[in-house]
N, C-alpha and C. Protein backbone atom coordinates (compact mmCIF):
# COMPACT_ATOMS: atom_id res chain seq x y z
N MET A 1 138.57 141.20 83.62
CA MET A 1 138.18 142.27 84.53
C MET A 1 139.41 143.01 85.08
N LYS A 2 140.48 142.25 85.39
CA LYS A 2 141.68 142.89 85.93
C LYS A 2 142.29 143.85 84.92
N ASN A 3 142.31 143.44 83.65
CA ASN A 3 142.89 144.30 82.62
C ASN A 3 142.05 145.56 82.40
N ILE A 4 140.74 145.41 82.44
CA ILE A 4 139.86 146.57 82.29
C ILE A 4 140.08 147.54 83.45
N LEU A 5 140.19 147.00 84.66
CA LEU A 5 140.44 147.84 85.83
C LEU A 5 141.77 148.58 85.69
N LEU A 6 142.81 147.88 85.25
CA LEU A 6 144.11 148.51 85.07
C LEU A 6 144.04 149.63 84.03
N ILE A 7 143.34 149.40 82.94
CA ILE A 7 143.20 150.42 81.90
C ILE A 7 142.46 151.65 82.43
N LEU A 8 141.36 151.44 83.16
CA LEU A 8 140.59 152.56 83.70
C LEU A 8 141.40 153.36 84.71
N VAL A 9 142.10 152.67 85.59
CA VAL A 9 142.90 153.36 86.61
C VAL A 9 144.05 154.12 85.95
N CYS A 10 144.69 153.51 84.95
CA CYS A 10 145.78 154.19 84.23
C CYS A 10 145.25 155.43 83.50
N PHE A 11 144.08 155.32 82.91
CA PHE A 11 143.47 156.47 82.23
C PHE A 11 143.28 157.63 83.19
N VAL A 12 142.69 157.36 84.34
CA VAL A 12 142.46 158.43 85.32
C VAL A 12 143.79 158.97 85.84
N ALA A 13 144.72 158.09 86.18
CA ALA A 13 146.00 158.52 86.73
C ALA A 13 146.76 159.41 85.74
N LEU A 14 146.96 158.92 84.54
CA LEU A 14 147.78 159.65 83.58
C LEU A 14 147.13 160.96 83.13
N SER A 15 145.83 160.92 82.90
CA SER A 15 145.16 162.13 82.43
C SER A 15 145.09 163.20 83.51
N THR A 16 144.83 162.82 84.75
CA THR A 16 144.75 163.83 85.81
C THR A 16 146.13 164.35 86.21
N LEU A 17 147.15 163.50 86.13
CA LEU A 17 148.51 164.00 86.36
C LEU A 17 148.88 165.02 85.30
N PHE A 18 148.57 164.71 84.06
CA PHE A 18 148.88 165.61 82.95
C PHE A 18 148.11 166.93 83.06
N VAL A 19 146.82 166.84 83.31
CA VAL A 19 146.01 168.06 83.44
C VAL A 19 146.45 168.87 84.66
N GLY A 20 146.78 168.19 85.75
CA GLY A 20 147.27 168.90 86.93
C GLY A 20 148.54 169.68 86.63
N ILE A 21 149.46 169.06 85.88
CA ILE A 21 150.70 169.75 85.50
C ILE A 21 150.39 170.94 84.60
N LEU A 22 149.48 170.76 83.64
CA LEU A 22 149.11 171.87 82.76
C LEU A 22 148.49 173.03 83.53
N LEU A 23 147.62 172.71 84.47
CA LEU A 23 146.97 173.77 85.26
C LEU A 23 147.96 174.50 86.16
N MET A 24 148.94 173.77 86.68
CA MET A 24 149.95 174.43 87.51
C MET A 24 150.89 175.28 86.67
N SER A 25 151.21 174.83 85.47
CA SER A 25 152.17 175.57 84.65
C SER A 25 151.54 176.76 83.93
N VAL A 26 150.25 176.67 83.59
CA VAL A 26 149.53 177.79 82.96
C VAL A 26 148.26 178.01 83.79
N PRO A 27 148.40 178.71 84.93
CA PRO A 27 147.29 178.80 85.89
C PRO A 27 146.08 179.60 85.44
N ASP A 28 146.16 180.28 84.31
CA ASP A 28 144.96 181.00 83.85
C ASP A 28 144.00 180.07 83.11
N GLY A 29 144.38 178.80 82.92
CA GLY A 29 143.51 177.81 82.29
C GLY A 29 143.44 177.89 80.78
N SER A 30 144.13 178.83 80.17
CA SER A 30 144.02 179.04 78.73
C SER A 30 144.50 177.85 77.91
N ILE A 31 145.48 177.12 78.42
CA ILE A 31 146.01 175.99 77.67
C ILE A 31 144.96 174.88 77.52
N LEU A 32 144.03 174.82 78.44
CA LEU A 32 142.94 173.84 78.38
C LEU A 32 141.61 174.48 78.00
N ARG A 33 141.68 175.75 77.64
CA ARG A 33 140.48 176.53 77.28
C ARG A 33 139.45 176.55 78.40
N LEU A 34 139.96 176.68 79.61
CA LEU A 34 139.10 176.83 80.79
C LEU A 34 139.06 178.29 81.16
N PRO A 35 137.90 178.92 81.09
CA PRO A 35 137.84 180.34 81.47
C PRO A 35 138.03 180.51 82.97
N ILE A 36 138.75 181.52 83.34
CA ILE A 36 138.99 181.82 84.75
C ILE A 36 137.68 182.11 85.47
N SER A 37 136.63 182.45 84.71
CA SER A 37 135.32 182.73 85.31
C SER A 37 134.72 181.49 85.97
N PHE A 38 135.22 180.30 85.62
CA PHE A 38 134.77 179.08 86.31
C PHE A 38 135.03 179.17 87.81
N LEU A 39 136.02 179.95 88.18
CA LEU A 39 136.43 180.02 89.58
C LEU A 39 135.83 181.19 90.34
N HIS A 40 134.93 181.94 89.70
CA HIS A 40 134.40 183.15 90.36
C HIS A 40 133.63 182.85 91.64
N SER A 41 133.04 181.68 91.75
CA SER A 41 132.28 181.33 92.96
C SER A 41 133.11 180.51 93.95
N THR A 42 134.43 180.49 93.75
CA THR A 42 135.32 179.72 94.63
C THR A 42 136.28 180.65 95.35
N VAL A 43 137.13 180.07 96.17
CA VAL A 43 138.16 180.84 96.86
C VAL A 43 139.44 180.94 96.04
N PHE A 44 139.48 180.34 94.87
CA PHE A 44 140.69 180.29 94.06
C PHE A 44 140.75 181.47 93.09
N ASP A 45 141.94 182.06 92.97
CA ASP A 45 142.14 183.15 92.02
C ASP A 45 142.53 182.63 90.64
N ASP A 46 143.18 181.47 90.61
CA ASP A 46 143.58 180.85 89.35
C ASP A 46 143.56 179.33 89.53
N PHE A 47 144.03 178.60 88.53
CA PHE A 47 143.94 177.14 88.54
C PHE A 47 145.18 176.47 89.14
N ARG A 48 146.12 177.24 89.67
CA ARG A 48 147.37 176.65 90.18
C ARG A 48 147.10 175.68 91.33
N LEU A 49 146.42 176.11 92.36
CA LEU A 49 146.15 175.24 93.52
C LEU A 49 145.19 174.10 93.16
N PRO A 50 144.09 174.35 92.44
CA PRO A 50 143.25 173.22 92.04
C PRO A 50 144.02 172.19 91.19
N GLY A 51 144.93 172.69 90.33
CA GLY A 51 145.75 171.78 89.53
C GLY A 51 146.66 170.93 90.39
N PHE A 52 147.25 171.57 91.41
CA PHE A 52 148.11 170.82 92.33
C PHE A 52 147.32 169.78 93.10
N LEU A 53 146.14 170.16 93.58
CA LEU A 53 145.31 169.22 94.34
C LEU A 53 144.83 168.07 93.46
N LEU A 54 144.48 168.37 92.22
CA LEU A 54 144.10 167.31 91.27
C LEU A 54 145.27 166.36 91.05
N PHE A 55 146.45 166.92 90.81
CA PHE A 55 147.65 166.13 90.61
C PHE A 55 147.93 165.24 91.82
N LEU A 56 147.91 165.85 93.01
CA LEU A 56 148.27 165.15 94.23
C LEU A 56 147.26 164.08 94.62
N PHE A 57 146.00 164.48 94.75
CA PHE A 57 145.01 163.55 95.28
C PHE A 57 144.50 162.55 94.24
N VAL A 58 144.01 163.02 93.13
CA VAL A 58 143.43 162.11 92.14
C VAL A 58 144.53 161.42 91.33
N GLY A 59 145.47 162.20 90.82
CA GLY A 59 146.50 161.62 89.97
C GLY A 59 147.41 160.65 90.69
N CYS A 60 147.99 161.10 91.80
CA CYS A 60 148.94 160.25 92.52
C CYS A 60 148.28 159.02 93.15
N THR A 61 147.08 159.18 93.68
CA THR A 61 146.37 158.04 94.26
C THR A 61 146.11 156.97 93.20
N ASN A 62 145.64 157.39 92.04
CA ASN A 62 145.38 156.43 90.98
C ASN A 62 146.66 155.88 90.36
N LEU A 63 147.75 156.66 90.39
CA LEU A 63 149.03 156.15 89.91
C LEU A 63 149.55 155.05 90.83
N ILE A 64 149.43 155.24 92.13
CA ILE A 64 149.80 154.19 93.08
C ILE A 64 148.94 152.95 92.86
N ALA A 65 147.64 153.16 92.66
CA ALA A 65 146.73 152.03 92.41
C ALA A 65 147.14 151.29 91.14
N ALA A 66 147.48 152.04 90.09
CA ALA A 66 147.90 151.41 88.83
C ALA A 66 149.18 150.60 89.03
N PHE A 67 150.11 151.17 89.78
CA PHE A 67 151.37 150.46 90.05
C PHE A 67 151.10 149.16 90.79
N TYR A 68 150.27 149.22 91.83
CA TYR A 68 149.96 148.01 92.60
C TYR A 68 149.18 146.99 91.78
N LEU A 69 148.32 147.46 90.90
CA LEU A 69 147.61 146.53 90.01
C LEU A 69 148.59 145.88 89.04
N PHE A 70 149.54 146.65 88.55
CA PHE A 70 150.50 146.14 87.57
C PHE A 70 151.43 145.11 88.18
N ILE A 71 151.89 145.33 89.43
CA ILE A 71 152.81 144.37 90.05
C ILE A 71 152.07 143.29 90.84
N ASN A 72 150.75 143.33 90.84
CA ASN A 72 149.94 142.30 91.50
C ASN A 72 150.12 142.27 93.02
N MET A 73 150.23 143.40 93.64
CA MET A 73 150.40 143.49 95.08
C MET A 73 149.10 143.13 95.80
N SER A 74 149.20 142.63 97.00
CA SER A 74 148.03 142.11 97.71
C SER A 74 146.94 143.17 97.97
N LYS A 75 147.30 144.40 98.20
CA LYS A 75 146.32 145.46 98.50
C LYS A 75 145.90 146.24 97.25
N ARG A 76 146.11 145.65 96.08
CA ARG A 76 145.85 146.38 94.83
C ARG A 76 144.40 146.81 94.67
N TYR A 77 143.45 145.98 95.08
CA TYR A 77 142.04 146.35 94.91
C TYR A 77 141.60 147.39 95.93
N ASN A 78 142.24 147.41 97.09
CA ASN A 78 141.96 148.47 98.06
C ASN A 78 142.40 149.82 97.49
N TRP A 79 143.58 149.84 96.86
CA TRP A 79 144.08 151.08 96.28
C TRP A 79 143.23 151.55 95.11
N SER A 80 142.82 150.61 94.25
CA SER A 80 141.98 151.02 93.11
C SER A 80 140.61 151.50 93.60
N LEU A 81 140.08 150.86 94.63
CA LEU A 81 138.83 151.30 95.23
C LEU A 81 138.99 152.71 95.81
N PHE A 82 140.08 152.93 96.51
CA PHE A 82 140.36 154.25 97.08
C PHE A 82 140.52 155.30 95.97
N GLY A 83 141.22 154.94 94.90
CA GLY A 83 141.38 155.85 93.78
C GLY A 83 140.05 156.20 93.14
N GLY A 84 139.16 155.23 92.98
CA GLY A 84 137.83 155.48 92.42
C GLY A 84 137.01 156.39 93.32
N ILE A 85 137.09 156.16 94.62
CA ILE A 85 136.34 156.98 95.57
C ILE A 85 136.86 158.42 95.56
N ILE A 86 138.18 158.58 95.56
CA ILE A 86 138.77 159.92 95.53
C ILE A 86 138.35 160.66 94.25
N THR A 87 138.32 159.95 93.13
CA THR A 87 137.94 160.57 91.86
C THR A 87 136.49 161.02 91.90
N ILE A 88 135.61 160.17 92.41
CA ILE A 88 134.19 160.56 92.51
C ILE A 88 134.03 161.75 93.46
N LEU A 89 134.74 161.74 94.58
CA LEU A 89 134.66 162.87 95.50
C LEU A 89 135.14 164.16 94.84
N TRP A 90 136.19 164.06 94.05
CA TRP A 90 136.70 165.23 93.33
C TRP A 90 135.63 165.79 92.39
N VAL A 91 135.01 164.90 91.60
CA VAL A 91 134.01 165.35 90.63
C VAL A 91 132.80 165.95 91.33
N VAL A 92 132.33 165.31 92.37
CA VAL A 92 131.16 165.82 93.10
C VAL A 92 131.48 167.16 93.75
N LEU A 93 132.66 167.28 94.35
CA LEU A 93 133.05 168.55 94.94
C LEU A 93 133.15 169.64 93.88
N GLN A 94 133.68 169.27 92.72
CA GLN A 94 133.77 170.23 91.62
C GLN A 94 132.38 170.67 91.17
N TRP A 95 131.44 169.72 91.09
CA TRP A 95 130.06 170.07 90.73
C TRP A 95 129.45 171.02 91.75
N MET A 96 129.77 170.83 93.02
CA MET A 96 129.21 171.67 94.07
C MET A 96 129.82 173.07 94.05
N ILE A 97 131.11 173.18 93.77
CA ILE A 97 131.80 174.46 93.84
C ILE A 97 131.68 175.26 92.56
N ILE A 98 131.88 174.61 91.43
CA ILE A 98 131.87 175.30 90.14
C ILE A 98 130.48 175.16 89.54
N GLU A 99 129.95 176.25 89.08
CA GLU A 99 128.58 176.25 88.56
C GLU A 99 128.46 175.62 87.19
N ASN A 100 129.55 175.54 86.44
CA ASN A 100 129.53 174.95 85.09
C ASN A 100 129.93 173.49 85.15
N THR A 101 129.17 172.65 84.49
CA THR A 101 129.48 171.23 84.42
C THR A 101 129.85 170.90 82.98
N MET A 102 130.91 170.11 82.85
CA MET A 102 131.38 169.73 81.53
C MET A 102 131.18 168.23 81.31
N LEU A 103 131.20 167.83 80.06
CA LEU A 103 131.06 166.42 79.70
C LEU A 103 132.17 165.58 80.33
N THR A 104 133.36 166.13 80.42
CA THR A 104 134.47 165.37 81.00
C THR A 104 134.20 165.01 82.47
N ASP A 105 133.48 165.86 83.17
CA ASP A 105 133.13 165.55 84.56
C ASP A 105 132.29 164.28 84.63
N MET A 106 131.31 164.18 83.75
CA MET A 106 130.46 162.98 83.74
C MET A 106 131.26 161.74 83.33
N ILE A 107 132.17 161.90 82.38
CA ILE A 107 133.00 160.77 81.95
C ILE A 107 133.84 160.27 83.12
N TYR A 108 134.50 161.18 83.82
CA TYR A 108 135.32 160.77 84.97
C TYR A 108 134.47 160.18 86.09
N PHE A 109 133.29 160.70 86.29
CA PHE A 109 132.39 160.14 87.30
C PHE A 109 132.04 158.69 86.95
N LEU A 110 131.68 158.45 85.69
CA LEU A 110 131.31 157.09 85.27
C LEU A 110 132.50 156.14 85.29
N VAL A 111 133.66 156.61 84.87
CA VAL A 111 134.86 155.77 84.92
C VAL A 111 135.19 155.42 86.36
N ALA A 112 135.12 156.39 87.26
CA ALA A 112 135.41 156.14 88.67
C ALA A 112 134.39 155.18 89.27
N PHE A 113 133.14 155.32 88.88
CA PHE A 113 132.12 154.39 89.36
C PHE A 113 132.42 152.98 88.86
N GLY A 114 132.87 152.86 87.62
CA GLY A 114 133.28 151.56 87.07
C GLY A 114 134.46 150.99 87.83
N ILE A 115 135.42 151.84 88.17
CA ILE A 115 136.58 151.39 88.95
C ILE A 115 136.13 150.83 90.30
N ILE A 116 135.21 151.52 90.94
CA ILE A 116 134.71 151.07 92.24
C ILE A 116 134.00 149.73 92.10
N LEU A 117 133.11 149.60 91.13
CA LEU A 117 132.37 148.34 90.95
C LEU A 117 133.29 147.18 90.65
N ILE A 118 134.24 147.39 89.73
CA ILE A 118 135.16 146.30 89.37
C ILE A 118 136.06 145.95 90.55
N SER A 119 136.53 146.95 91.28
CA SER A 119 137.38 146.68 92.44
C SER A 119 136.64 145.86 93.49
N LEU A 120 135.40 146.23 93.75
CA LEU A 120 134.60 145.46 94.71
C LEU A 120 134.35 144.04 94.22
N GLN A 121 134.08 143.90 92.92
CA GLN A 121 133.85 142.57 92.36
C GLN A 121 135.10 141.70 92.50
N LEU A 122 136.25 142.27 92.20
CA LEU A 122 137.49 141.49 92.28
C LEU A 122 137.92 141.23 93.73
N LYS A 123 137.46 142.06 94.65
CA LYS A 123 137.71 141.81 96.08
C LYS A 123 136.78 140.73 96.62
N GLY A 124 135.75 140.38 95.85
CA GLY A 124 134.80 139.38 96.30
C GLY A 124 133.57 139.96 96.92
N ARG A 125 133.37 141.26 96.77
CA ARG A 125 132.19 141.93 97.30
C ARG A 125 131.47 142.58 96.14
N SER A 126 130.22 142.94 96.33
CA SER A 126 129.51 143.68 95.30
C SER A 126 128.48 144.59 95.95
N LEU A 127 128.08 145.61 95.20
CA LEU A 127 127.06 146.54 95.70
C LEU A 127 125.67 146.00 95.50
N ILE A 128 125.52 145.10 94.56
CA ILE A 128 124.19 144.60 94.20
C ILE A 128 123.97 143.22 94.78
């Protein structure tokens, strides 16, 4: 279970850090084939700020969680739980703001839900 948790957290951390960097460096979204029209119902003119927020909140939080899981620090499951919650909040907020939903959103939602369940299980708690 610990290894699965580490893999899931690393997946979210590395992929969101990478995508955040891509969105900040090419803010029109073309490098990821994201049409700027996705943002027409938001306050954003381009993907620069959303990319930064994705990098900062989702990417960095899950990177810290991955680091703590890797070095076996005492608060590692709290960090992975926090990373899973932040990821789910990001996806849900994205669903609320952007009218288009992509398959990757559902994948990240399910991965984050898995991170939360495994973190709770390893902490000695469960939802069920």
